[in-house]
Amino acid sequence: MKVYKLKKQFNGYKKGTHFYLISESEFIGVKEFVFRTKDLANRISINESELLKNFIFIKEIF
């Protein structure tokens, strides 16, 4: 599982909030990523451009 951190405020979440990447999918060239907050309480679904613009990869955990 991969851990990401917000670069700046996004969708009501504060800068620095950690997220787990739950799934990623691609359909006809459109990539979609599903994230959960570190406490697993909230879920967001974003596209590849939002991922690159707003998130930083931190680490991969098993």
PDB file of N, CA and C in Angstrom:
ATOM      1  N   MET A   1       0.850  -1.167   0.000  1.00  0.00           N
ATOM      2  CA  MET A   1       0.000   0.000   0.000  1.00  0.00           C
ATOM      3  C   MET A   1       0.901   1.237   0.000  1.00  0.00           C
ATOM      4  N   LYS A   2       0.483   2.249  -0.724  1.00  0.00           N
ATOM      5  CA  LYS A   2       1.271   3.473  -0.832  1.00  0.00           C
ATOM      6  C   LYS A   2       0.670   4.577   0.037  1.00  0.00           C
ATOM      7  N   VAL A   3       1.538   5.411   0.585  1.00  0.00           N
ATOM      8  CA  VAL A   3       1.120   6.526   1.428  1.00  0.00           C
ATOM      9  C   VAL A   3       1.477   7.824   0.708  1.00  0.00           C
ATOM     10  N   TYR A   4       0.504   8.725   0.640  1.00  0.00           N
ATOM     11  CA  TYR A   4       0.690  10.030   0.005  1.00  0.00           C
ATOM     12  C   TYR A   4       0.366  11.130   1.008  1.00  0.00           C
ATOM     13  N   LYS A   5       0.887  12.332   0.748  1.00  0.00           N
ATOM     14  CA  LYS A   5       0.632  13.484   1.607  1.00  0.00           C
ATOM     15  C   LYS A   5       0.198  14.649   0.720  1.00  0.00           C
ATOM     16  N   LEU A   6      -0.722  15.458   1.226  1.00  0.00           N
ATOM     17  CA  LEU A   6      -1.192  16.624   0.478  1.00  0.00           C
ATOM     18  C   LEU A   6      -0.138  17.726   0.444  1.00  0.00           C
ATOM     19  N   LYS A   7       0.094  18.294  -0.734  1.00  0.00           N
ATOM     20  CA  LYS A   7       1.017  19.423  -0.890  1.00  0.00           C
ATOM     21  C   LYS A   7       0.376  20.721  -0.413  1.00  0.00           C
ATOM     22  N   LYS A   8      -0.935  20.839  -0.640  1.00  0.00           N
ATOM     23  CA  LYS A   8      -1.683  22.037  -0.278  1.00  0.00           C
ATOM     24  C   LYS A   8      -3.118  21.632   0.035  1.00  0.00           C
ATOM     25  N   GLN A   9      -3.892  22.557   0.548  1.00  0.00           N
ATOM     26  CA  GLN A   9      -5.283  22.254   0.898  1.00  0.00           C
ATOM     27  C   GLN A   9      -6.029  21.776  -0.342  1.00  0.00           C
ATOM     28  N   PHE A  10      -6.852  20.735  -0.172  1.00  0.00           N
ATOM     29  CA  PHE A  10      -7.563  20.123  -1.300  1.00  0.00           C
ATOM     30  C   PHE A  10      -8.853  19.484  -0.798  1.00  0.00           C
ATOM     31  N   ASN A  11      -9.961  19.831  -1.424  1.00  0.00           N
ATOM     32  CA  ASN A  11     -11.280  19.248  -1.091  1.00  0.00           C
ATOM     33  C   ASN A  11     -11.602  19.268   0.398  1.00  0.00           C
ATOM     34  N   GLY A  12     -11.222  20.314   1.089  1.00  0.00           N
ATOM     35  CA  GLY A  12     -11.524  20.439   2.508  1.00  0.00           C
ATOM     36  C   GLY A  12     -10.532  19.765   3.431  1.00  0.00           C
ATOM     37  N   TYR A  13      -9.504  19.130   2.889  1.00  0.00           N
ATOM     38  CA  TYR A  13      -8.464  18.497   3.695  1.00  0.00           C
ATOM     39  C   TYR A  13      -7.276  19.445   3.811  1.00  0.00           C
ATOM     40  N   LYS A  14      -6.666  19.478   4.979  1.00  0.00           N
ATOM     41  CA  LYS A  14      -5.555  20.385   5.236  1.00  0.00           C
ATOM     42  C   LYS A  14      -4.261  19.889   4.602  1.00  0.00           C
ATOM     43  N   LYS A  15      -3.378  20.830   4.305  1.00  0.00           N
ATOM     44  CA  LYS A  15      -2.042  20.522   3.806  1.00  0.00           C
ATOM     45  C   LYS A  15      -1.353  19.582   4.796  1.00  0.00           C
ATOM     46  N   GLY A  16      -0.684  18.547   4.279  1.00  0.00           N
ATOM     47  CA  GLY A  16       0.030  17.611   5.135  1.00  0.00           C
ATOM     48  C   GLY A  16      -0.765  16.387   5.552  1.00  0.00           C
ATOM     49  N   THR A  17      -2.058  16.333   5.227  1.00  0.00           N
ATOM     50  CA  THR A  17      -2.886  15.176   5.570  1.00  0.00           C
ATOM     51  C   THR A  17      -2.365  13.947   4.836  1.00  0.00           C
ATOM     52  N   HIS A  18      -2.239  12.827   5.537  1.00  0.00           N
ATOM     53  CA  HIS A  18      -1.766  11.585   4.935  1.00  0.00           C
ATOM     54  C   HIS A  18      -2.939  10.764   4.426  1.00  0.00           C
ATOM     55  N   PHE A  19      -2.727  10.131   3.272  1.00  0.00           N
ATOM     56  CA  PHE A  19      -3.736   9.278   2.640  1.00  0.00           C
ATOM     57  C   PHE A  19      -3.110   7.962   2.225  1.00  0.00           C
ATOM     58  N   TYR A  20      -3.907   6.894   2.279  1.00  0.00           N
ATOM     59  CA  TYR A  20      -3.519   5.599   1.731  1.00  0.00           C
ATOM     60  C   TYR A  20      -4.120   5.482   0.335  1.00  0.00           C
ATOM     61  N   LEU A  21      -3.324   5.037  -0.625  1.00  0.00           N
ATOM     62  CA  LEU A  21      -3.842   4.745  -1.957  1.00  0.00           C
ATOM     63  C   LEU A  21      -4.482   3.366  -1.907  1.00  0.00           C
ATOM     64  N   ILE A  22      -5.794   3.319  -2.052  1.00  0.00           N
ATOM     65  CA  ILE A  22      -6.540   2.064  -1.936  1.00  0.00           C
ATOM     66  C   ILE A  22      -6.588   1.336  -3.275  1.00  0.00           C
ATOM     67  N   SER A  23      -6.876   2.076  -4.360  1.00  0.00           N
ATOM     68  CA  SER A  23      -6.913   1.444  -5.675  1.00  0.00           C
ATOM     69  C   SER A  23      -6.618   2.466  -6.757  1.00  0.00           C
ATOM     70  N   GLU A  24      -6.153   1.945  -7.872  1.00  0.00           N
ATOM     71  CA  GLU A  24      -5.955   2.765  -9.054  1.00  0.00           C
ATOM     72  C   GLU A  24      -6.454   1.966 -10.244  1.00  0.00           C
ATOM     73  N   SER A  25      -7.121   2.656 -11.163  1.00  0.00           N
ATOM     74  CA  SER A  25      -7.664   1.976 -12.330  1.00  0.00           C
ATOM     75  C   SER A  25      -7.502   2.862 -13.558  1.00  0.00           C
ATOM     76  N   GLU A  26      -7.521   2.223 -14.702  1.00  0.00           N
ATOM     77  CA  GLU A  26      -7.413   2.953 -15.959  1.00  0.00           C
ATOM     78  C   GLU A  26      -8.440   2.389 -16.922  1.00  0.00           C
ATOM     79  N   PHE A  27      -9.215   3.287 -17.525  1.00  0.00           N
ATOM     80  CA  PHE A  27     -10.214   2.886 -18.498  1.00  0.00           C
ATOM     81  C   PHE A  27     -10.135   3.844 -19.677  1.00  0.00           C
ATOM     82  N   ILE A  28      -9.755   3.339 -20.816  1.00  0.00           N
ATOM     83  CA  ILE A  28      -9.607   4.124 -22.045  1.00  0.00           C
ATOM     84  C   ILE A  28      -8.735   5.360 -21.800  1.00  0.00           C
ATOM     85  N   GLY A  29      -7.586   5.164 -21.191  1.00  0.00           N
ATOM     86  CA  GLY A  29      -6.619   6.228 -20.999  1.00  0.00           C
ATOM     87  C   GLY A  29      -6.883   7.178 -19.854  1.00  0.00           C
ATOM     88  N   VAL A  30      -7.980   6.983 -19.126  1.00  0.00           N
ATOM     89  CA  VAL A  30      -8.295   7.845 -17.987  1.00  0.00           C
ATOM     90  C   VAL A  30      -7.970   7.080 -16.698  1.00  0.00           C
ATOM     91  N   LYS A  31      -7.029   7.613 -15.925  1.00  0.00           N
ATOM     92  CA  LYS A  31      -6.653   6.964 -14.672  1.00  0.00           C
ATOM     93  C   LYS A  31      -7.444   7.565 -13.527  1.00  0.00           C
ATOM     94  N   GLU A  32      -7.886   6.695 -12.615  1.00  0.00           N
ATOM     95  CA  GLU A  32      -8.615   7.136 -11.438  1.00  0.00           C
ATOM     96  C   GLU A  32      -7.963   6.508 -10.214  1.00  0.00           C
ATOM     97  N   PHE A  33      -7.853   7.293  -9.143  1.00  0.00           N
ATOM     98  CA  PHE A  33      -7.211   6.847  -7.916  1.00  0.00           C
ATOM     99  C   PHE A  33      -8.183   7.032  -6.759  1.00  0.00           C
ATOM    100  N   VAL A  34      -8.247   6.035  -5.882  1.00  0.00           N
ATOM    101  CA  VAL A  34      -9.110   6.107  -4.714  1.00  0.00           C
ATOM    102  C   VAL A  34      -8.211   6.139  -3.475  1.00  0.00           C
ATOM    103  N   PHE A  35      -8.407   7.177  -2.663  1.00  0.00           N
ATOM    104  CA  PHE A  35      -7.625   7.368  -1.447  1.00  0.00           C
ATOM    105  C   PHE A  35      -8.521   7.306  -0.224  1.00  0.00           C
ATOM    106  N   ARG A  36      -7.949   6.850   0.888  1.00  0.00           N
ATOM    107  CA  ARG A  36      -8.601   6.915   2.195  1.00  0.00           C
ATOM    108  C   ARG A  36      -7.684   7.664   3.135  1.00  0.00           C
ATOM    109  N   THR A  37      -8.285   8.437   4.032  1.00  0.00           N
ATOM    110  CA  THR A  37      -7.484   9.139   5.032  1.00  0.00           C
ATOM    111  C   THR A  37      -6.816   8.111   5.930  1.00  0.00           C
ATOM    112  N   LYS A  38      -5.809   8.532   6.645  1.00  0.00           N
ATOM    113  CA  LYS A  38      -5.025   7.608   7.469  1.00  0.00           C
ATOM    114  C   LYS A  38      -5.873   6.885   8.516  1.00  0.00           C
ATOM    115  N   ASP A  39      -6.947   7.552   9.003  1.00  0.00           N
ATOM    116  CA  ASP A  39      -7.838   6.902   9.970  1.00  0.00           C
ATOM    117  C   ASP A  39      -8.934   6.066   9.285  1.00  0.00           C
ATOM    118  N   LEU A  40      -8.890   5.995   7.956  1.00  0.00           N
ATOM    119  CA  LEU A  40      -9.824   5.224   7.118  1.00  0.00           C
ATOM    120  C   LEU A  40     -11.274   5.703   7.199  1.00  0.00           C
ATOM    121  N   ALA A  41     -11.508   6.896   7.717  1.00  0.00           N
ATOM    122  CA  ALA A  41     -12.866   7.409   7.886  1.00  0.00           C
ATOM    123  C   ALA A  41     -13.438   8.023   6.601  1.00  0.00           C
ATOM    124  N   ASN A  42     -12.596   8.618   5.767  1.00  0.00           N
ATOM    125  CA  ASN A  42     -13.075   9.315   4.570  1.00  0.00           C
ATOM    126  C   ASN A  42     -12.410   8.775   3.317  1.00  0.00           C
ATOM    127  N   ARG A  43     -13.140   8.890   2.190  1.00  0.00           N
ATOM    128  CA  ARG A  43     -12.659   8.384   0.906  1.00  0.00           C
ATOM    129  C   ARG A  43     -12.796   9.475  -0.148  1.00  0.00           C
ATOM    130  N   ILE A  44     -11.785   9.602  -1.014  1.00  0.00           N
ATOM    131  CA  ILE A  44     -11.893  10.502  -2.156  1.00  0.00           C
ATOM    132  C   ILE A  44     -11.426   9.767  -3.403  1.00  0.00           C
ATOM    133  N   SER A  45     -12.007  10.145  -4.526  1.00  0.00           N
ATOM    134  CA  SER A  45     -11.640   9.576  -5.817  1.00  0.00           C
ATOM    135  C   SER A  45     -11.175  10.731  -6.698  1.00  0.00           C
ATOM    136  N   ILE A  46      -9.967  10.620  -7.251  1.00  0.00           N
ATOM    137  CA  ILE A  46      -9.406  11.707  -8.045  1.00  0.00           C
ATOM    138  C   ILE A  46      -8.818  11.165  -9.340  1.00  0.00           C
ATOM    139  N   ASN A  47      -8.559  12.078 -10.294  1.00  0.00           N
ATOM    140  CA  ASN A  47      -7.917  11.680 -11.538  1.00  0.00           C
ATOM    141  C   ASN A  47      -6.410  11.910 -11.461  1.00  0.00           C
ATOM    142  N   GLU A  48      -5.704  11.541 -12.519  1.00  0.00           N
ATOM    143  CA  GLU A  48      -4.240  11.601 -12.506  1.00  0.00           C
ATOM    144  C   GLU A  48      -3.707  13.029 -12.378  1.00  0.00           C
ATOM    145  N   SER A  49      -4.341  13.993 -13.037  1.00  0.00           N
ATOM    146  CA  SER A  49      -3.848  15.376 -12.954  1.00  0.00           C
ATOM    147  C   SER A  49      -3.996  15.940 -11.545  1.00  0.00           C
ATOM    148  N   GLU A  50      -5.083  15.598 -10.844  1.00  0.00           N
ATOM    149  CA  GLU A  50      -5.255  16.034  -9.456  1.00  0.00           C
ATOM    150  C   GLU A  50      -4.221  15.378  -8.551  1.00  0.00           C
ATOM    151  N   LEU A  51      -3.898  14.117  -8.822  1.00  0.00           N
ATOM    152  CA  LEU A  51      -2.880  13.420  -8.044  1.00  0.00           C
ATOM    153  C   LEU A  51      -1.529  14.121  -8.180  1.00  0.00           C
ATOM    154  N   LEU A  52      -1.121  14.391  -9.405  1.00  0.00           N
ATOM    155  CA  LEU A  52       0.174  15.015  -9.642  1.00  0.00           C
ATOM    156  C   LEU A  52       0.249  16.438  -9.100  1.00  0.00           C
ATOM    157  N   LYS A  53      -0.853  17.144  -9.139  1.00  0.00           N
ATOM    158  CA  LYS A  53      -0.898  18.548  -8.712  1.00  0.00           C
ATOM    159  C   LYS A  53      -0.939  18.696  -7.187  1.00  0.00           C
ATOM    160  N   ASN A  54      -1.602  17.773  -6.493  1.00  0.00           N
ATOM    161  CA  ASN A  54      -1.897  17.964  -5.067  1.00  0.00           C
ATOM    162  C   ASN A  54      -1.253  16.993  -4.093  1.00  0.00           C
ATOM    163  N   PHE A  55      -0.650  15.908  -4.574  1.00  0.00           N
ATOM    164  CA  PHE A  55      -0.149  14.879  -3.666  1.00  0.00           C
ATOM    165  C   PHE A  55       1.334  14.597  -3.868  1.00  0.00           C
ATOM    166  N   ILE A  56       1.998  14.195  -2.786  1.00  0.00           N
ATOM    167  CA  ILE A  56       3.402  13.789  -2.794  1.00  0.00           C
ATOM    168  C   ILE A  56       3.460  12.355  -2.283  1.00  0.00           C
ATOM    169  N   PHE A  57       4.180  11.496  -3.015  1.00  0.00           N
ATOM    170  CA  PHE A  57       4.376  10.115  -2.569  1.00  0.00           C
ATOM    171  C   PHE A  57       5.321  10.121  -1.375  1.00  0.00           C
ATOM    172  N   ILE A  58       4.947   9.414  -0.308  1.00  0.00           N
ATOM    173  CA  ILE A  58       5.766   9.349   0.906  1.00  0.00           C
ATOM    174  C   ILE A  58       6.523   8.023   0.976  1.00  0.00           C
ATOM    175  N   LYS A  59       5.782   6.918   1.002  1.00  0.00           N
ATOM    176  CA  LYS A  59       6.424   5.605   1.129  1.00  0.00           C
ATOM    177  C   LYS A  59       5.457   4.504   0.736  1.00  0.00           C
ATOM    178  N   GLU A  60       6.009   3.311   0.586  1.00  0.00           N
ATOM    179  CA  GLU A  60       5.191   2.131   0.318  1.00  0.00           C
ATOM    180  C   GLU A  60       5.317   1.209   1.520  1.00  0.00           C
ATOM    181  N   ILE A  61       4.171   0.750   2.020  1.00  0.00           N
ATOM    182  CA  ILE A  61       4.150  -0.166   3.158  1.00  0.00           C
ATOM    183  C   ILE A  61       3.495  -1.467   2.728  1.00  0.00           C
ATOM    184  N   PHE A  62       3.785  -2.514   3.438  1.00  0.00           N
ATOM    185  CA  PHE A  62       3.243  -3.825   3.063  1.00  0.00           C
ATOM    186  C   PHE A  62       2.254  -4.283   4.033  1.00  0.00           C
TER     187      PHE A  62
END
